[in-house]
Amino acid sequence: MAVEPEAGRVIDLARAFALALQRGGATTERSRQIALSIFPGSLSAGIAAGDAFLENAHRALTAADDASTSLHDVTWRAAVDPPVIRDGLTFGTHIENYFRNVVRSKPVRAVYERPGFFKGSTATIYGHDEVIPYPNISEKLDYELEIGYIVGKPGRNLTPDQAMRHVFGITIFNDWSLRDVQALEGPIGMGAQHSKDFAYGIGPWITTIDEIPSIEGLVGQVRVNGEVRADTRVENFVYTPAELVAYVSIFDGLQPGDLIGSGTMGFGAGVEIDRFVQPGDVVELELEGVGTLRNQVSPEKEVPPWWPEPRPYPFDDEVDA
């Protein structure tokens, strides 16, 4: 789908491209076959075609009037089906606020030595207007306003000068977090688990990188139940978008459709102001140049059928040397 927010419509690119081909003499059956091969149900598969994807999308838009639907009549899904989700930590303001309010210390030196990131589950992605689960193991459900960099071209061992040429576009990424559970998982040393992998918000759509003159300086806003919780902007980088994307590619491979989260914009998370969300709350994250990602938190907490019992700690009787 292509979105024209100012016109209040979405365009079925496969349908539109088939119509464009038919106007050039293609048969109905063959035009549909070609259109579905170029615009499949998976956006990751589509953008793997490289520059041809956008070139054909522009051609499809010549038939947009006969393949469009009102924005109000569509059901949203996550803006991309990423093969891998990685989430970084690149904004100095959020880093300072998080360590001051949660860790109760100054930031660790490591976050200034490299643009660290973790990998998240692709099984729990949610789009615009979808309901977010609230796991019953937490009392501190938090939102995080981030930029999602969507990879368009494969790459490995990129430099910052090369990195952004491999980015297809940007979206809003909500790295939902269970802050009290995060504090329990951290000492294990294995990274985030249930504190992150219960939900990732992606959307409402992707703005292609050619439509963004500069990522730096974009403004954002967080609203909960209509109340403005934060006004923020893309600034105070510890590591730039290009440096983060390049770093992720080192010793690894970027794939079309991969999502790389920027890390939270300054004051883009409730933990920075000690305010969390409750069951039934509606969270809206707005980013200039993209739009607004809105989700309601489930009114009822999710209760799993089983939870492990803690085991005895075998070192209680040992005396530290």
Protein backbone atom coordinates (compact mmCIF):
# COMPACT_ATOMS: atom_id res chain seq x y z
CA MET A 1 0.00 0.00 0.00
CA ALA A 2 0.97 3.60 -0.60
CA VAL A 3 -0.44 6.29 1.67
CA GLU A 4 -1.45 9.82 0.72
CA PRO A 5 -2.40 11.33 4.10
CA GLU A 6 -3.19 14.74 2.64
CA ALA A 7 -5.71 13.09 0.31
CA GLY A 8 -7.03 10.82 3.04
CA ARG A 9 -6.49 7.66 1.06
CA VAL A 10 -4.37 4.54 0.65
CA ILE A 11 -3.55 2.98 -2.70
CA ASP A 12 -3.33 -0.75 -3.35
CA LEU A 13 -0.07 -0.75 -5.32
CA ALA A 14 -0.55 -4.24 -6.75
CA ARG A 15 -4.01 -3.39 -8.04
CA ALA A 16 -2.88 0.00 -9.34
CA PHE A 17 0.17 -1.45 -11.11
CA ALA A 18 -1.95 -4.13 -12.76
CA LEU A 19 -4.29 -1.41 -14.05
CA ALA A 20 -1.33 0.59 -15.34
CA LEU A 21 -0.05 -2.46 -17.19
CA GLN A 22 -3.48 -3.14 -18.67
CA ARG A 23 -3.61 0.41 -19.98
CA GLY A 24 -0.39 -0.43 -21.81
CA GLY A 25 -1.91 -3.50 -23.42
CA ALA A 26 -1.24 -6.27 -20.89
CA THR A 27 -3.90 -8.91 -20.30
CA THR A 28 -5.78 -8.93 -17.01
CA GLU A 29 -4.30 -12.25 -15.87
CA ARG A 30 -0.72 -11.45 -16.79
CA SER A 31 -0.87 -7.95 -15.32
CA ARG A 32 -2.02 -9.36 -12.00
CA GLN A 33 0.77 -11.94 -11.99
CA ILE A 34 3.41 -9.30 -12.63
CA ALA A 35 1.90 -6.86 -10.11
CA LEU A 36 1.82 -9.44 -7.32
CA SER A 37 5.43 -10.41 -8.00
CA ILE A 38 6.54 -6.79 -7.63
CA PHE A 39 4.16 -5.88 -4.81
CA PRO A 40 3.76 -9.05 -2.71
CA GLY A 41 2.06 -9.19 0.66
CA SER A 42 5.45 -8.84 2.37
CA LEU A 43 6.98 -5.37 2.26
CA SER A 44 10.38 -6.85 3.10
CA ALA A 45 10.13 -9.03 0.00
CA GLY A 46 8.99 -6.07 -2.06
CA ILE A 47 11.82 -3.70 -1.18
CA ALA A 48 14.31 -6.52 -1.77
CA ALA A 49 13.82 -5.66 -5.45
CA GLY A 50 15.93 -2.57 -4.85
CA ASP A 51 15.40 0.64 -6.81
CA ALA A 52 12.89 -1.11 -9.07
CA PHE A 53 10.39 -1.27 -6.19
CA LEU A 54 10.04 2.51 -5.89
CA GLU A 55 10.27 3.03 -9.64
CA ASN A 56 7.33 0.68 -10.17
CA ALA A 57 5.46 2.21 -7.23
CA HIS A 58 5.58 5.61 -8.95
CA ARG A 59 4.30 4.01 -12.14
CA ALA A 60 1.49 2.35 -10.18
CA LEU A 61 0.40 5.71 -8.79
CA THR A 62 -0.65 6.79 -12.28
CA ALA A 63 -3.67 4.53 -11.70
CA ALA A 64 -4.14 5.50 -8.05
CA ASP A 65 -7.64 6.95 -8.51
CA ASP A 66 -8.99 3.53 -9.49
CA ALA A 67 -7.20 1.59 -6.73
CA SER A 68 -7.64 3.73 -3.62
CA THR A 69 -9.49 3.35 -0.34
CA SER A 70 -10.29 5.91 2.35
CA LEU A 71 -7.89 6.00 5.29
CA HIS A 72 -10.91 5.56 7.55
CA ASP A 73 -11.90 2.26 5.93
CA VAL A 74 -8.67 0.28 6.32
CA THR A 75 -7.45 -1.99 9.09
CA TRP A 76 -3.80 -1.36 9.93
CA ARG A 77 -0.97 -3.82 10.39
CA ALA A 78 2.66 -3.18 11.29
CA ALA A 79 4.25 -1.06 8.57
CA VAL A 80 6.86 -3.71 7.80
CA ASP A 81 7.46 -7.41 8.47
CA PRO A 82 11.11 -7.20 9.54
CA PRO A 83 13.36 -10.26 9.29
CA VAL A 84 15.25 -8.87 12.31
CA ILE A 85 14.52 -6.14 14.86
CA ARG A 86 17.48 -4.41 16.45
CA ASP A 87 17.10 -1.54 18.89
CA GLY A 88 19.87 0.92 19.63
CA LEU A 89 20.69 3.52 22.29
CA THR A 90 21.88 6.72 20.67
CA PHE A 91 20.25 9.80 22.26
CA GLY A 92 22.23 11.42 25.05
CA THR A 93 19.23 12.95 26.84
CA HIS A 94 17.42 9.62 27.21
CA ILE A 95 20.61 7.86 28.28
CA GLU A 96 21.21 10.40 31.05
CA ASN A 97 17.56 10.36 32.20
CA TYR A 98 17.34 6.55 32.20
CA PHE A 99 20.47 6.02 34.26
CA ARG A 100 19.56 8.79 36.69
CA ASN A 101 15.95 7.63 37.25
CA VAL A 102 16.31 3.84 36.98
CA VAL A 103 19.89 2.82 37.64
CA ARG A 104 20.41 5.70 40.09
CA SER A 105 23.90 6.36 38.79
CA LYS A 106 25.72 8.12 36.00
CA PRO A 107 25.65 6.34 32.62
CA VAL A 108 28.12 3.51 32.21
CA ARG A 109 31.15 4.25 30.08
CA ALA A 110 30.25 1.45 27.63
CA VAL A 111 27.30 3.33 26.09
CA TYR A 112 29.74 6.02 24.93
CA GLU A 113 32.27 3.55 23.56
CA ARG A 114 29.99 1.91 20.97
CA PRO A 115 26.37 2.23 19.80
CA GLY A 116 25.01 -0.83 21.56
CA PHE A 117 21.82 -2.60 20.55
CA PHE A 118 19.71 -5.66 21.34
CA LYS A 119 17.68 -7.96 19.11
CA GLY A 120 13.93 -8.28 19.55
CA SER A 121 11.26 -10.78 18.61
CA THR A 122 9.45 -10.43 15.27
CA ALA A 123 6.53 -12.51 16.60
CA THR A 124 5.06 -9.64 18.63
CA ILE A 125 4.83 -6.67 16.26
CA TYR A 126 1.76 -4.43 16.32
CA GLY A 127 0.54 -1.83 13.87
CA HIS A 128 -1.44 1.38 14.18
CA ASP A 129 -4.65 1.04 16.22
CA GLU A 130 -3.87 -2.52 17.33
CA VAL A 131 -4.32 -3.40 21.02
CA ILE A 132 -1.12 -3.88 23.03
CA PRO A 133 -1.07 -6.66 25.66
CA TYR A 134 -0.25 -5.81 29.27
CA PRO A 135 1.58 -8.76 30.89
CA ASN A 136 0.50 -9.45 34.44
CA ILE A 137 4.14 -9.65 35.65
CA SER A 138 4.46 -5.86 35.54
CA GLU A 139 3.14 -2.71 37.16
CA LYS A 140 5.28 -0.35 35.05
CA LEU A 141 4.33 -0.57 31.38
CA ASP A 142 6.16 2.10 29.41
CA TYR A 143 6.17 3.51 25.87
CA GLU A 144 9.27 4.64 23.95
CA LEU A 145 9.21 7.05 21.01
CA GLU A 146 11.90 6.00 18.57
CA ILE A 147 12.71 6.25 14.88
CA GLY A 148 12.70 2.94 13.04
CA TYR A 149 15.26 2.84 10.23
CA ILE A 150 14.02 0.36 7.59
CA VAL A 151 16.80 -1.32 5.64
CA GLY A 152 16.28 -1.33 1.87
CA LYS A 153 19.47 -2.89 0.53
CA PRO A 154 21.66 -5.67 1.91
CA GLY A 155 25.06 -4.73 3.26
CA ARG A 156 27.91 -5.90 5.49
CA ASN A 157 30.77 -4.04 7.14
CA LEU A 158 29.47 -0.66 5.99
CA THR A 159 30.99 2.69 6.86
CA PRO A 160 28.87 5.62 8.05
CA ASP A 161 29.38 7.26 4.65
CA GLN A 162 27.76 4.22 3.00
CA ALA A 163 25.15 3.30 5.59
CA MET A 164 22.22 5.60 4.81
CA ARG A 165 22.27 4.54 1.15
CA HIS A 166 21.09 1.17 2.48
CA VAL A 167 18.09 2.69 4.33
CA PHE A 168 14.74 2.56 2.54
CA GLY A 169 12.86 4.84 4.90
CA ILE A 170 11.83 5.65 8.44
CA THR A 171 8.83 4.85 10.60
CA ILE A 172 7.80 5.26 14.22
CA PHE A 173 9.05 2.48 16.47
CA ASN A 174 7.49 2.02 19.92
CA ASP A 175 9.81 -0.17 21.97
CA TRP A 176 7.23 -1.04 24.64
CA SER A 177 8.93 -1.87 27.94
CA LEU A 178 8.14 -3.39 31.33
CA ARG A 179 10.44 -1.30 33.50
CA ASP A 180 10.16 -3.31 36.71
CA VAL A 181 10.76 -6.57 34.81
CA GLN A 182 13.65 -4.97 32.94
CA ALA A 183 15.36 -4.31 36.28
CA LEU A 184 15.03 -8.00 37.19
CA GLU A 185 16.28 -9.30 33.83
CA GLY A 186 19.28 -7.00 33.61
CA PRO A 187 21.45 -8.74 36.24
CA ILE A 188 21.08 -12.07 34.39
CA GLY A 189 23.37 -10.62 31.74
CA MET A 190 21.51 -12.08 28.75
CA GLY A 191 19.79 -8.87 27.65
CA ALA A 192 16.10 -8.02 27.53
CA GLN A 193 13.60 -10.88 27.51
CA HIS A 194 9.95 -10.54 28.55
CA SER A 195 10.55 -6.89 29.45
CA LYS A 196 10.74 -6.10 25.73
CA ASP A 197 9.58 -9.03 23.61
CA PHE A 198 5.89 -8.84 24.52
CA ALA A 199 5.23 -5.98 22.06
CA TYR A 200 6.85 -3.75 19.44
CA GLY A 201 4.83 -1.02 17.73
CA ILE A 202 5.67 -0.15 14.10
CA GLY A 203 3.86 2.41 11.97
CA PRO A 204 1.60 3.93 10.94
CA TRP A 205 3.54 3.74 7.67
CA ILE A 206 7.04 4.21 6.25
CA THR A 207 8.23 7.51 4.81
CA THR A 208 10.88 6.85 2.19
CA ILE A 209 14.26 8.36 2.95
CA ASP A 210 14.17 10.63 -0.12
CA GLU A 211 11.20 12.46 1.42
CA ILE A 212 13.14 13.34 4.61
CA PRO A 213 15.55 16.26 4.03
CA SER A 214 17.16 15.62 7.41
CA ILE A 215 16.41 13.18 10.22
CA GLU A 216 18.12 15.47 12.70
CA GLY A 217 15.74 18.16 13.91
CA LEU A 218 12.49 16.24 13.36
CA VAL A 219 10.06 16.99 16.19
CA GLY A 220 7.96 14.47 18.06
CA GLN A 221 5.24 14.35 20.69
CA VAL A 222 3.92 11.78 23.16
CA ARG A 223 0.26 11.80 24.23
CA VAL A 224 -1.53 9.48 26.64
CA ASN A 225 -5.34 9.68 26.63
CA GLY A 226 -4.96 12.99 24.80
CA GLU A 227 -2.68 14.51 27.44
CA VAL A 228 0.70 15.69 26.15
CA ARG A 229 3.37 13.83 28.11
CA ALA A 230 6.37 15.12 26.16
CA ASP A 231 7.48 17.32 23.29
CA THR A 232 10.79 16.19 21.87
CA ARG A 233 13.05 16.41 18.84
CA VAL A 234 15.78 14.44 17.13
CA GLU A 235 18.94 15.91 18.64
CA ASN A 236 21.82 15.29 21.04
CA PHE A 237 23.14 12.19 19.30
CA VAL A 238 25.82 10.14 20.99
CA TYR A 239 25.96 8.19 17.74
CA THR A 240 24.31 9.38 14.49
CA PRO A 241 21.84 7.30 12.47
CA ALA A 242 24.57 6.54 9.93
CA GLU A 243 26.95 5.38 12.66
CA LEU A 244 24.31 3.12 14.22
CA VAL A 245 23.36 1.50 10.91
CA ALA A 246 27.01 1.02 9.99
CA TYR A 247 27.82 -0.47 13.39
CA VAL A 248 24.95 -2.97 13.15
CA SER A 249 26.33 -4.14 9.78
CA ILE A 250 29.80 -4.92 11.14
CA PHE A 251 30.45 -8.69 11.21
CA ASP A 252 26.76 -9.14 10.35
CA GLY A 253 24.47 -8.64 7.39
CA LEU A 254 21.70 -6.13 6.84
CA GLN A 255 18.64 -7.56 5.07
CA PRO A 256 15.86 -5.73 3.22
CA GLY A 257 13.10 -5.01 5.71
CA ASP A 258 15.28 -5.14 8.83
CA LEU A 259 14.23 -2.57 11.42
CA ILE A 260 16.88 -0.73 13.41
CA GLY A 261 15.48 1.31 16.30
CA SER A 262 17.21 4.61 16.98
CA GLY A 263 16.85 4.42 20.73
CA THR A 264 14.45 6.66 22.59
CA MET A 265 14.31 10.37 21.84
CA GLY A 266 14.85 12.64 24.84
CA PHE A 267 11.85 12.44 27.23
CA GLY A 268 10.19 10.04 24.80
CA ALA A 269 9.65 7.45 27.55
CA GLY A 270 7.53 7.55 30.69
CA VAL A 271 10.41 6.34 32.85
CA GLU A 272 12.10 9.70 32.25
CA ILE A 273 9.26 11.51 34.03
CA ASP A 274 8.23 8.63 36.33
CA ARG A 275 4.84 8.19 34.68
CA PHE A 276 3.68 4.88 33.26
CA VAL A 277 0.57 3.68 31.43
CA GLN A 278 -2.39 1.80 32.80
CA PRO A 279 -4.71 -0.85 31.32
CA GLY A 280 -6.99 0.77 28.77
CA ASP A 281 -4.81 3.83 28.16
CA VAL A 282 -4.40 5.13 24.61
CA VAL A 283 -0.84 6.05 23.65
CA GLU A 284 -0.08 8.26 20.64
CA LEU A 285 3.46 8.77 19.36
CA GLU A 286 3.83 11.46 16.71
CA LEU A 287 6.90 12.11 14.55
CA GLU A 288 7.24 14.90 12.02
CA GLY A 289 7.39 13.61 8.48
CA VAL A 290 5.86 10.25 9.40
CA GLY A 291 2.58 10.60 11.26
CA THR A 292 1.05 9.30 14.47
CA LEU A 293 1.23 5.74 15.78
CA ARG A 294 -1.73 5.14 18.10
CA ASN A 295 -2.35 2.07 20.25
CA GLN A 296 -4.63 1.21 23.12
CA VAL A 297 -3.27 -0.87 25.95
CA SER A 298 -5.46 -3.88 26.70
CA PRO A 299 -7.97 -3.18 29.49
CA GLU A 300 -7.20 -6.60 30.97
CA LYS A 301 -3.78 -7.92 31.85
CA GLU A 302 -2.56 -11.05 30.10
CA VAL A 303 -2.12 -14.03 32.45
CA PRO A 304 0.04 -16.96 31.25
CA PRO A 305 -0.95 -20.53 32.17
CA TRP A 306 2.44 -21.19 33.80
CA TRP A 307 5.27 -19.27 35.42
CA PRO A 308 8.51 -20.77 36.81
CA GLU A 309 9.09 -21.08 40.55
CA PRO A 310 12.33 -19.52 41.81
CA ARG A 311 15.02 -22.07 42.63
CA PRO A 312 17.08 -22.02 45.83
CA TYR A 313 20.16 -19.84 45.58
CA PRO A 314 23.09 -22.22 46.16
CA PHE A 315 25.56 -19.60 47.41
CA ASP A 316 23.78 -18.03 50.38
CA ASP A 317 26.18 -19.60 52.89
CA GLU A 318 29.32 -18.56 51.07
CA VAL A 319 31.33 -15.66 52.47
CA ASP A 320 32.81 -13.22 50.00
CA ALA A 321 36.58 -13.19 50.11
